[in-house]
Each structure stands twice: as structure tokens, then as C-alpha cells.
């Protein structure tokens, strides 16, 4: 892991944000542990998100405790990419905010 990930992140906050694919996320929390900007939280999947999933992904969520990653502090992301690398399900991508 980088010596000082915050210093290595050159992007200003508010330009790039992590997006979590709820069909892939298993709520393991690796993103939460590596993020130097506290962008992520692991919590129970929102009802609105749950009903939008097909039956197979609903079952997958139940197997994994109904927990997923959310990004309530996405505007703080400095695009270091540690979350993308840490996620074993490849459920996170960085996208330009509009």
C-alpha cells in the first residue's frame, strides 16, 4: 500500500466519485478500510435499491447479510483508486461527476 495515499491523490475533491454496483457488492468493507477520505459506509441495503434488483441479486444480498457499500461522502473522493483495487468483487468504478 502507498506510504501516504492522501498526498498521492492529486485530484481535487468533487470531480471524480466512486460508484458501487449493488449487483456485485457483497458488503465486505474493504473499500471502507482503505479509503483515506471516509467516502464509504457499509449498511443494510435501502428498500428502494433492493426492489430494483432481480431475484438472483436479491438472493445474493440475503446470503451476504443484506449489507452493501454506499458512498454518502462521495464528494470528498480524490480519485486515489484504492477502493477500486481493494474490492474483491470489482464492484466499484470511478466516474466523473457532472
PDB file of N, CA and C in Angstrom:
ATOM      1  N   UNK A   1       0.847  -1.174   0.000  1.00  0.00           N
ATOM      2  CA  UNK A   1       0.000   0.000   0.000  1.00  0.00           C
ATOM      3  C   UNK A   1       0.893   1.238   0.000  1.00  0.00           C
ATOM      4  N   UNK A   2       0.369   2.306  -0.515  1.00  0.00           N
ATOM      5  CA  UNK A   2       1.126   3.549  -0.603  1.00  0.00           C
ATOM      6  C   UNK A   2       1.487   4.076   0.772  1.00  0.00           C
ATOM      7  N   UNK A   3       2.604   4.805   0.827  1.00  0.00           N
ATOM      8  CA  UNK A   3       3.062   5.347   2.105  1.00  0.00           C
ATOM      9  C   UNK A   3       2.104   6.416   2.633  1.00  0.00           C
ATOM     10  N   UNK A   4       1.691   7.346   1.779  1.00  0.00           N
ATOM     11  CA  UNK A   4       0.755   8.399   2.172  1.00  0.00           C
ATOM     12  C   UNK A   4      -0.276   8.562   1.058  1.00  0.00           C
ATOM     13  N   UNK A   5      -1.363   7.766   1.077  1.00  0.00           N
ATOM     14  CA  UNK A   5      -2.323   7.782  -0.025  1.00  0.00           C
ATOM     15  C   UNK A   5      -3.005   9.128  -0.231  1.00  0.00           C
ATOM     16  N   UNK A   6      -3.200   9.903   0.820  1.00  0.00           N
ATOM     17  CA  UNK A   6      -3.850  11.202   0.666  1.00  0.00           C
ATOM     18  C   UNK A   6      -2.957  12.140  -0.137  1.00  0.00           C
ATOM     19  N   UNK A   7      -1.687  12.156   0.174  1.00  0.00           N
ATOM     20  CA  UNK A   7      -0.762  13.021  -0.554  1.00  0.00           C
ATOM     21  C   UNK A   7      -0.624  12.580  -2.007  1.00  0.00           C
ATOM     22  N   UNK A   8      -0.725  11.270  -2.260  1.00  0.00           N
ATOM     23  CA  UNK A   8      -0.598  10.743  -3.610  1.00  0.00           C
ATOM     24  C   UNK A   8      -1.805  11.066  -4.493  1.00  0.00           C
ATOM     25  N   UNK A   9      -2.915  11.421  -3.901  1.00  0.00           N
ATOM     26  CA  UNK A   9      -4.129  11.730  -4.663  1.00  0.00           C
ATOM     27  C   UNK A   9      -4.078  13.177  -5.126  1.00  0.00           C
ATOM     28  N   UNK A  10      -3.888  13.368  -6.406  1.00  0.00           N
ATOM     29  CA  UNK A  10      -3.720  14.715  -6.952  1.00  0.00           C
ATOM     30  C   UNK A  10      -5.048  15.388  -7.312  1.00  0.00           C
ATOM     31  N   UNK A  11      -6.091  14.598  -7.512  1.00  0.00           N
ATOM     32  CA  UNK A  11      -7.377  15.127  -7.945  1.00  0.00           C
ATOM     33  C   UNK A  11      -8.045  15.935  -6.830  1.00  0.00           C
ATOM     34  N   UNK A  12      -8.592  17.077  -7.191  1.00  0.00           N
ATOM     35  CA  UNK A  12      -9.369  17.867  -6.230  1.00  0.00           C
ATOM     36  C   UNK A  12     -10.670  17.139  -5.914  1.00  0.00           C
ATOM     37  N   UNK A  13     -11.161  17.217  -4.688  1.00  0.00           N
ATOM     38  CA  UNK A  13     -12.440  16.599  -4.343  1.00  0.00           C
ATOM     39  C   UNK A  13     -13.575  17.185  -5.183  1.00  0.00           C
ATOM     40  N   UNK A  14     -14.586  16.360  -5.460  1.00  0.00           N
ATOM     41  CA  UNK A  14     -15.767  16.822  -6.168  1.00  0.00           C
ATOM     42  C   UNK A  14     -15.721  16.662  -7.673  1.00  0.00           C
ATOM     43  N   UNK A  15     -14.648  16.116  -8.216  1.00  0.00           N
ATOM     44  CA  UNK A  15     -14.529  15.932  -9.667  1.00  0.00           C
ATOM     45  C   UNK A  15     -14.823  14.481 -10.053  1.00  0.00           C
ATOM     46  N   UNK A  16     -14.280  13.556  -9.296  1.00  0.00           N
ATOM     47  CA  UNK A  16     -14.452  12.117  -9.525  1.00  0.00           C
ATOM     48  C   UNK A  16     -15.155  11.528  -8.309  1.00  0.00           C
ATOM     49  N   UNK A  17     -16.042  10.557  -8.563  1.00  0.00           N
ATOM     50  CA  UNK A  17     -16.746   9.906  -7.453  1.00  0.00           C
ATOM     51  C   UNK A  17     -16.791   8.399  -7.675  1.00  0.00           C
ATOM     52  N   UNK A  18     -16.715   7.620  -6.600  1.00  0.00           N
ATOM     53  CA  UNK A  18     -16.873   6.168  -6.732  1.00  0.00           C
ATOM     54  C   UNK A  18     -18.347   5.803  -6.877  1.00  0.00           C
ATOM     55  N   UNK A  19     -18.610   4.853  -7.748  1.00  0.00           N
ATOM     56  CA  UNK A  19     -19.963   4.332  -7.935  1.00  0.00           C
ATOM     57  C   UNK A  19     -19.913   2.841  -7.632  1.00  0.00           C
ATOM     58  N   UNK A  20     -20.810   2.396  -6.760  1.00  0.00           N
ATOM     59  CA  UNK A  20     -20.851   0.998  -6.337  1.00  0.00           C
ATOM     60  C   UNK A  20     -21.950   0.270  -7.096  1.00  0.00           C
ATOM     61  N   UNK A  21     -21.590  -0.840  -7.718  1.00  0.00           N
ATOM     62  CA  UNK A  21     -22.548  -1.701  -8.405  1.00  0.00           C
ATOM     63  C   UNK A  21     -23.153  -2.636  -7.359  1.00  0.00           C
ATOM     64  N   UNK A  22     -24.396  -2.391  -6.985  1.00  0.00           N
ATOM     65  CA  UNK A  22     -25.036  -3.171  -5.924  1.00  0.00           C
ATOM     66  C   UNK A  22     -25.273  -4.622  -6.327  1.00  0.00           C
ATOM     67  N   UNK A  23     -25.215  -4.906  -7.619  1.00  0.00           N
ATOM     68  CA  UNK A  23     -25.355  -6.294  -8.067  1.00  0.00           C
ATOM     69  C   UNK A  23     -24.083  -7.091  -7.806  1.00  0.00           C
ATOM     70  N   UNK A  24     -22.970  -6.395  -7.617  1.00  0.00           N
ATOM     71  CA  UNK A  24     -21.698  -7.065  -7.373  1.00  0.00           C
ATOM     72  C   UNK A  24     -21.251  -6.968  -5.907  1.00  0.00           C
ATOM     73  N   UNK A  25     -21.605  -5.879  -5.249  1.00  0.00           N
ATOM     74  CA  UNK A  25     -21.121  -5.622  -3.892  1.00  0.00           C
ATOM     75  C   UNK A  25     -21.634  -6.678  -2.914  1.00  0.00           C
ATOM     76  N   UNK A  26     -20.723  -7.165  -2.064  1.00  0.00           N
ATOM     77  CA  UNK A  26     -21.078  -8.128  -1.023  1.00  0.00           C
ATOM     78  C   UNK A  26     -20.895  -7.549   0.373  1.00  0.00           C
ATOM     79  N   UNK A  27     -20.637  -6.246   0.459  1.00  0.00           N
ATOM     80  CA  UNK A  27     -20.560  -5.572   1.751  1.00  0.00           C
ATOM     81  C   UNK A  27     -19.420  -6.004   2.637  1.00  0.00           C
ATOM     82  N   UNK A  28     -18.320  -6.448   2.062  1.00  0.00           N
ATOM     83  CA  UNK A  28     -17.178  -6.930   2.851  1.00  0.00           C
ATOM     84  C   UNK A  28     -16.429  -5.804   3.549  1.00  0.00           C
ATOM     85  N   UNK A  29     -16.506  -4.585   3.008  1.00  0.00           N
ATOM     86  CA  UNK A  29     -15.935  -3.435   3.689  1.00  0.00           C
ATOM     87  C   UNK A  29     -14.490  -3.121   3.375  1.00  0.00           C
ATOM     88  N   UNK A  30     -13.903  -3.785   2.394  1.00  0.00           N
ATOM     89  CA  UNK A  30     -12.516  -3.470   2.034  1.00  0.00           C
ATOM     90  C   UNK A  30     -12.389  -2.011   1.593  1.00  0.00           C
ATOM     91  N   UNK A  31     -13.374  -1.516   0.872  1.00  0.00           N
ATOM     92  CA  UNK A  31     -13.365  -0.123   0.413  1.00  0.00           C
ATOM     93  C   UNK A  31     -13.355   0.835   1.603  1.00  0.00           C
ATOM     94  N   UNK A  32     -14.154   0.519   2.593  1.00  0.00           N
ATOM     95  CA  UNK A  32     -14.247   1.340   3.806  1.00  0.00           C
ATOM     96  C   UNK A  32     -12.901   1.421   4.523  1.00  0.00           C
ATOM     97  N   UNK A  33     -12.223   0.293   4.606  1.00  0.00           N
ATOM     98  CA  UNK A  33     -10.942   0.233   5.313  1.00  0.00           C
ATOM     99  C   UNK A  33      -9.820   0.976   4.596  1.00  0.00           C
ATOM    100  N   UNK A  34      -9.803   0.980   3.259  1.00  0.00           N
ATOM    101  CA  UNK A  34      -8.670   1.587   2.545  1.00  0.00           C
ATOM    102  C   UNK A  34      -8.886   3.049   2.181  1.00  0.00           C
ATOM    103  N   UNK A  35     -10.110   3.536   2.205  1.00  0.00           N
ATOM    104  CA  UNK A  35     -10.389   4.904   1.748  1.00  0.00           C
ATOM    105  C   UNK A  35      -9.856   5.941   2.740  1.00  0.00           C
ATOM    106  N   UNK A  36      -8.918   6.780   2.299  1.00  0.00           N
ATOM    107  CA  UNK A  36      -8.366   7.804   3.194  1.00  0.00           C
ATOM    108  C   UNK A  36      -9.292   9.003   3.390  1.00  0.00           C
ATOM    109  N   UNK A  37     -10.349   9.088   2.596  1.00  0.00           N
ATOM    110  CA  UNK A  37     -11.259  10.235   2.667  1.00  0.00           C
ATOM    111  C   UNK A  37     -12.598   9.903   3.324  1.00  0.00           C
ATOM    112  N   UNK A  38     -12.758   8.694   3.849  1.00  0.00           N
ATOM    113  CA  UNK A  38     -14.003   8.283   4.517  1.00  0.00           C
ATOM    114  C   UNK A  38     -15.234   8.464   3.632  1.00  0.00           C
ATOM    115  N   UNK A  39     -15.117   8.029   2.401  1.00  0.00           N
ATOM    116  CA  UNK A  39     -16.205   8.162   1.429  1.00  0.00           C
ATOM    117  C   UNK A  39     -17.286   7.102   1.642  1.00  0.00           C
ATOM    118  N   UNK A  40     -16.903   5.925   2.120  1.00  0.00           N
ATOM    119  CA  UNK A  40     -17.805   4.768   2.154  1.00  0.00           C
ATOM    120  C   UNK A  40     -18.413   4.503   3.525  1.00  0.00           C
ATOM    121  N   UNK A  41     -19.555   3.826   3.485  1.00  0.00           N
ATOM    122  CA  UNK A  41     -20.140   3.220   4.673  1.00  0.00           C
ATOM    123  C   UNK A  41     -20.767   1.899   4.242  1.00  0.00           C
ATOM    124  N   UNK A  42     -20.746   0.933   5.146  1.00  0.00           N
ATOM    125  CA  UNK A  42     -21.381  -0.361   4.905  1.00  0.00           C
ATOM    126  C   UNK A  42     -22.640  -0.384   5.751  1.00  0.00           C
ATOM    127  N   UNK A  43     -23.770  -0.650   5.076  1.00  0.00           N
ATOM    128  CA  UNK A  43     -25.037  -0.692   5.811  1.00  0.00           C
ATOM    129  C   UNK A  43     -26.036  -1.568   5.074  1.00  0.00           C
ATOM    130  N   UNK A  44     -27.169  -1.748   5.696  1.00  0.00           N
ATOM    131  CA  UNK A  44     -28.236  -2.552   5.092  1.00  0.00           C
ATOM    132  C   UNK A  44     -28.677  -1.869   3.796  1.00  0.00           C
ATOM    133  N   UNK A  45     -28.921  -2.675   2.784  1.00  0.00           N
ATOM    134  CA  UNK A  45     -29.350  -2.148   1.503  1.00  0.00           C
ATOM    135  C   UNK A  45     -30.677  -1.404   1.667  1.00  0.00           C
ATOM    136  N   UNK A  46     -30.786  -0.249   1.029  1.00  0.00           N
ATOM    137  CA  UNK A  46     -32.035   0.519   1.073  1.00  0.00           C
ATOM    138  C   UNK A  46     -33.147  -0.260   0.384  1.00  0.00           C
ATOM    139  N   UNK A  47     -34.361  -0.131   0.898  1.00  0.00           N
ATOM    140  CA  UNK A  47     -35.507  -0.831   0.309  1.00  0.00           C
ATOM    141  C   UNK A  47     -35.682  -0.474  -1.165  1.00  0.00           C
ATOM    142  N   UNK A  48     -35.520   0.792  -1.501  1.00  0.00           N
ATOM    143  CA  UNK A  48     -35.692   1.222  -2.898  1.00  0.00           C
ATOM    144  C   UNK A  48     -34.669   0.556  -3.820  1.00  0.00           C
ATOM    145  N   UNK A  49     -33.454   0.390  -3.347  1.00  0.00           N
ATOM    146  CA  UNK A  49     -32.428  -0.291  -4.142  1.00  0.00           C
ATOM    147  C   UNK A  49     -32.716  -1.785  -4.236  1.00  0.00           C
ATOM    148  N   UNK A  50     -33.195  -2.353  -3.152  1.00  0.00           N
ATOM    149  CA  UNK A  50     -33.481  -3.783  -3.104  1.00  0.00           C
ATOM    150  C   UNK A  50     -34.560  -4.179  -4.107  1.00  0.00           C
ATOM    151  N   UNK A  51     -35.633  -3.423  -4.170  1.00  0.00           N
ATOM    152  CA  UNK A  51     -36.732  -3.789  -5.077  1.00  0.00           C
ATOM    153  C   UNK A  51     -36.346  -3.623  -6.547  1.00  0.00           C
ATOM    154  N   UNK A  52     -35.334  -2.837  -6.835  1.00  0.00           N
ATOM    155  CA  UNK A  52     -34.873  -2.671  -8.215  1.00  0.00           C
ATOM    156  C   UNK A  52     -34.015  -3.838  -8.706  1.00  0.00           C
ATOM    157  N   UNK A  53     -33.601  -4.713  -7.796  1.00  0.00           N
ATOM    158  CA  UNK A  53     -32.752  -5.847  -8.167  1.00  0.00           C
ATOM    159  C   UNK A  53     -33.589  -7.034  -8.618  1.00  0.00           C
ATOM    160  N   UNK A  54     -33.027  -7.854  -9.503  1.00  0.00           N
ATOM    161  CA  UNK A  54     -33.725  -9.077  -9.900  1.00  0.00           C
ATOM    162  C   UNK A  54     -33.605 -10.107  -8.776  1.00  0.00           C
ATOM    163  N   UNK A  55     -34.335 -11.205  -8.888  1.00  0.00           N
ATOM    164  CA  UNK A  55     -34.415 -12.195  -7.808  1.00  0.00           C
ATOM    165  C   UNK A  55     -33.053 -12.793  -7.465  1.00  0.00           C
ATOM    166  N   UNK A  56     -32.203 -12.998  -8.486  1.00  0.00           N
ATOM    167  CA  UNK A  56     -30.902 -13.600  -8.231  1.00  0.00           C
ATOM    168  C   UNK A  56     -30.024 -12.687  -7.363  1.00  0.00           C
ATOM    169  N   UNK A  57     -30.039 -11.396  -7.650  1.00  0.00           N
ATOM    170  CA  UNK A  57     -29.229 -10.463  -6.870  1.00  0.00           C
ATOM    171  C   UNK A  57     -29.832 -10.204  -5.486  1.00  0.00           C
ATOM    172  N   UNK A  58     -31.148 -10.317  -5.373  1.00  0.00           N
ATOM    173  CA  UNK A  58     -31.778 -10.237  -4.051  1.00  0.00           C
ATOM    174  C   UNK A  58     -31.338 -11.413  -3.187  1.00  0.00           C
ATOM    175  N   UNK A  59     -31.295 -12.587  -3.782  1.00  0.00           N
ATOM    176  CA  UNK A  59     -30.845 -13.772  -3.060  1.00  0.00           C
ATOM    177  C   UNK A  59     -29.385 -13.619  -2.643  1.00  0.00           C
ATOM    178  N   UNK A  60     -28.561 -13.122  -3.530  1.00  0.00           N
ATOM    179  CA  UNK A  60     -27.142 -12.903  -3.219  1.00  0.00           C
ATOM    180  C   UNK A  60     -27.002 -11.949  -2.022  1.00  0.00           C
ATOM    181  N   UNK A  61     -27.792 -10.882  -2.009  1.00  0.00           N
ATOM    182  CA  UNK A  61     -27.749  -9.951  -0.883  1.00  0.00           C
ATOM    183  C   UNK A  61     -28.134 -10.639   0.420  1.00  0.00           C
ATOM    184  N   UNK A  62     -29.146 -11.473   0.375  1.00  0.00           N
ATOM    185  CA  UNK A  62     -29.573 -12.183   1.584  1.00  0.00           C
ATOM    186  C   UNK A  62     -28.457 -13.092   2.104  1.00  0.00           C
ATOM    187  N   UNK A  63     -27.779 -13.766   1.200  1.00  0.00           N
ATOM    188  CA  UNK A  63     -26.673 -14.643   1.591  1.00  0.00           C
ATOM    189  C   UNK A  63     -25.558 -13.845   2.267  1.00  0.00           C
ATOM    190  N   UNK A  64     -25.361 -12.614   1.828  1.00  0.00           N
ATOM    191  CA  UNK A  64     -24.278 -11.777   2.357  1.00  0.00           C
ATOM    192  C   UNK A  64     -24.761 -10.782   3.415  1.00  0.00           C
ATOM    193  N   UNK A  65     -25.885 -11.079   4.048  1.00  0.00           N
ATOM    194  CA  UNK A  65     -26.334 -10.302   5.190  1.00  0.00           C
ATOM    195  C   UNK A  65     -27.024  -8.990   4.866  1.00  0.00           C
ATOM    196  N   UNK A  66     -27.440  -8.808   3.608  1.00  0.00           N
ATOM    197  CA  UNK A  66     -28.175  -7.607   3.183  1.00  0.00           C
ATOM    198  C   UNK A  66     -27.348  -6.335   3.330  1.00  0.00           C
ATOM    199  N   UNK A  67     -26.033  -6.459   3.398  1.00  0.00           N
ATOM    200  CA  UNK A  67     -25.145  -5.298   3.571  1.00  0.00           C
ATOM    201  C   UNK A  67     -24.461  -4.966   2.252  1.00  0.00           C
ATOM    202  N   UNK A  68     -24.363  -3.675   1.966  1.00  0.00           N
ATOM    203  CA  UNK A  68     -23.659  -3.187   0.776  1.00  0.00           C
ATOM    204  C   UNK A  68     -22.932  -1.893   1.123  1.00  0.00           C
ATOM    205  N   UNK A  69     -22.069  -1.470   0.223  1.00  0.00           N
ATOM    206  CA  UNK A  69     -21.353  -0.210   0.400  1.00  0.00           C
ATOM    207  C   UNK A  69     -22.148   0.921  -0.233  1.00  0.00           C
ATOM    208  N   UNK A  70     -22.226   2.017   0.480  1.00  0.00           N
ATOM    209  CA  UNK A  70     -22.793   3.256  -0.046  1.00  0.00           C
ATOM    210  C   UNK A  70     -21.731   4.347   0.064  1.00  0.00           C
ATOM    211  N   UNK A  71     -21.924   5.409  -0.687  1.00  0.00           N
ATOM    212  CA  UNK A  71     -20.936   6.492  -0.732  1.00  0.00           C
ATOM    213  C   UNK A  71     -21.565   7.821  -0.298  1.00  0.00           C
ATOM    214  N   UNK A  72     -21.897   7.975   0.980  1.00  0.00           N
ATOM    215  CA  UNK A  72     -22.534   9.206   1.433  1.00  0.00           C
ATOM    216  C   UNK A  72     -21.622  10.428   1.371  1.00  0.00           C
ATOM    217  N   UNK A  73     -20.323  10.191   1.287  1.00  0.00           N
ATOM    218  CA  UNK A  73     -19.360  11.286   1.242  1.00  0.00           C
ATOM    219  C   UNK A  73     -18.594  11.282  -0.088  1.00  0.00           C
ATOM    220  N   UNK A  74     -19.282  10.934  -1.170  1.00  0.00           N
ATOM    221  CA  UNK A  74     -18.641  10.792  -2.485  1.00  0.00           C
ATOM    222  C   UNK A  74     -17.950  12.068  -2.946  1.00  0.00           C
ATOM    223  N   UNK A  75     -18.469  13.214  -2.548  1.00  0.00           N
ATOM    224  CA  UNK A  75     -17.886  14.481  -2.986  1.00  0.00           C
ATOM    225  C   UNK A  75     -16.489  14.709  -2.422  1.00  0.00           C
ATOM    226  N   UNK A  76     -16.081  13.914  -1.427  1.00  0.00           N
ATOM    227  CA  UNK A  76     -14.743  14.038  -0.837  1.00  0.00           C
ATOM    228  C   UNK A  76     -13.691  13.206  -1.579  1.00  0.00           C
ATOM    229  N   UNK A  77     -14.129  12.370  -2.508  1.00  0.00           N
ATOM    230  CA  UNK A  77     -13.211  11.476  -3.216  1.00  0.00           C
ATOM    231  C   UNK A  77     -12.154  12.270  -3.974  1.00  0.00           C
ATOM    232  N   UNK A  78     -10.900  11.814  -3.833  1.00  0.00           N
ATOM    233  CA  UNK A  78      -9.772  12.444  -4.521  1.00  0.00           C
ATOM    234  C   UNK A  78      -9.184  11.518  -5.578  1.00  0.00           C
ATOM    235  N   UNK A  79      -9.926  10.476  -5.924  1.00  0.00           N
ATOM    236  CA  UNK A  79      -9.589   9.590  -7.031  1.00  0.00           C
ATOM    237  C   UNK A  79      -8.268   8.848  -6.868  1.00  0.00           C
ATOM    238  N   UNK A  80      -7.978   8.386  -5.670  1.00  0.00           N
ATOM    239  CA  UNK A  80      -6.729   7.634  -5.471  1.00  0.00           C
ATOM    240  C   UNK A  80      -6.834   6.222  -6.029  1.00  0.00           C
ATOM    241  N   UNK A  81      -8.066   5.691  -6.114  1.00  0.00           N
ATOM    242  CA  UNK A  81      -8.270   4.368  -6.683  1.00  0.00           C
ATOM    243  C   UNK A  81      -8.050   3.208  -5.737  1.00  0.00           C
ATOM    244  N   UNK A  82      -7.761   3.475  -4.473  1.00  0.00           N
ATOM    245  CA  UNK A  82      -7.531   2.389  -3.518  1.00  0.00           C
ATOM    246  C   UNK A  82      -8.764   1.500  -3.359  1.00  0.00           C
ATOM    247  N   UNK A  83      -9.938   2.093  -3.404  1.00  0.00           N
ATOM    248  CA  UNK A  83     -11.176   1.329  -3.255  1.00  0.00           C
ATOM    249  C   UNK A  83     -11.381   0.372  -4.427  1.00  0.00           C
ATOM    250  N   UNK A  84     -11.076   0.857  -5.625  1.00  0.00           N
ATOM    251  CA  UNK A  84     -11.234   0.033  -6.823  1.00  0.00           C
ATOM    252  C   UNK A  84     -10.324  -1.185  -6.735  1.00  0.00           C
ATOM    253  N   UNK A  85      -9.100  -0.963  -6.322  1.00  0.00           N
ATOM    254  CA  UNK A  85      -8.116  -2.042  -6.193  1.00  0.00           C
ATOM    255  C   UNK A  85      -8.478  -3.003  -5.066  1.00  0.00           C
ATOM    256  N   UNK A  86      -9.008  -2.491  -3.977  1.00  0.00           N
ATOM    257  CA  UNK A  86      -9.301  -3.315  -2.795  1.00  0.00           C
ATOM    258  C   UNK A  86     -10.540  -4.181  -2.939  1.00  0.00           C
ATOM    259  N   UNK A  87     -11.472  -3.793  -3.774  1.00  0.00           N
ATOM    260  CA  UNK A  87     -12.753  -4.500  -3.875  1.00  0.00           C
ATOM    261  C   UNK A  87     -12.582  -5.857  -4.570  1.00  0.00           C
ATOM    262  N   UNK A  88     -12.796  -6.963  -3.840  1.00  0.00           N
ATOM    263  CA  UNK A  88     -12.621  -8.286  -4.448  1.00  0.00           C
ATOM    264  C   UNK A  88     -13.702  -8.624  -5.474  1.00  0.00           C
ATOM    265  N   UNK A  89     -14.833  -7.927  -5.431  1.00  0.00           N
ATOM    266  CA  UNK A  89     -15.926  -8.192  -6.375  1.00  0.00           C
ATOM    267  C   UNK A  89     -15.877  -7.284  -7.604  1.00  0.00           C
ATOM    268  N   UNK A  90     -14.917  -6.368  -7.621  1.00  0.00           N
ATOM    269  CA  UNK A  90     -14.811  -5.374  -8.711  1.00  0.00           C
ATOM    270  C   UNK A  90     -16.140  -4.616  -8.866  1.00  0.00           C
ATOM    271  N   UNK A  91     -16.698  -4.202  -7.730  1.00  0.00           N
ATOM    272  CA  UNK A  91     -18.000  -3.535  -7.708  1.00  0.00           C
ATOM    273  C   UNK A  91     -17.899  -2.013  -7.743  1.00  0.00           C
ATOM    274  N   UNK A  92     -16.677  -1.471  -7.748  1.00  0.00           N
ATOM    275  CA  UNK A  92     -16.508  -0.023  -7.675  1.00  0.00           C
ATOM    276  C   UNK A  92     -15.793   0.495  -8.910  1.00  0.00           C
ATOM    277  N   UNK A  93     -16.339   1.583  -9.454  1.00  0.00           N
ATOM    278  CA  UNK A  93     -15.639   2.279 -10.525  1.00  0.00           C
ATOM    279  C   UNK A  93     -15.660   3.767 -10.202  1.00  0.00           C
ATOM    280  N   UNK A  94     -14.687   4.467 -10.719  1.00  0.00           N
ATOM    281  CA  UNK A  94     -14.608   5.915 -10.530  1.00  0.00           C
ATOM    282  C   UNK A  94     -15.151   6.604 -11.763  1.00  0.00           C
ATOM    283  N   UNK A  95     -16.054   7.553 -11.554  1.00  0.00           N
ATOM    284  CA  UNK A  95     -16.666   8.272 -12.672  1.00  0.00           C
ATOM    285  C   UNK A  95     -16.596   9.777 -12.420  1.00  0.00           C
ATOM    286  N   UNK A  96     -16.547  10.508 -13.495  1.00  0.00           N
ATOM    287  CA  UNK A  96     -16.537  11.961 -13.414  1.00  0.00           C
ATOM    288  C   UNK A  96     -17.914  12.457 -12.996  1.00  0.00           C
ATOM    289  N   UNK A  97     -17.932  13.333 -11.999  1.00  0.00           N
ATOM    290  CA  UNK A  97     -19.204  13.905 -11.542  1.00  0.00           C
ATOM    291  C   UNK A  97     -19.642  14.985 -12.528  1.00  0.00           C
ATOM    292  N   UNK A  98     -20.934  15.106 -12.699  1.00  0.00           N
ATOM    293  CA  UNK A  98     -21.451  16.141 -13.610  1.00  0.00           C
ATOM    294  C   UNK A  98     -22.125  17.247 -12.843  1.00  0.00           C
TER     295      UNK A  98
END
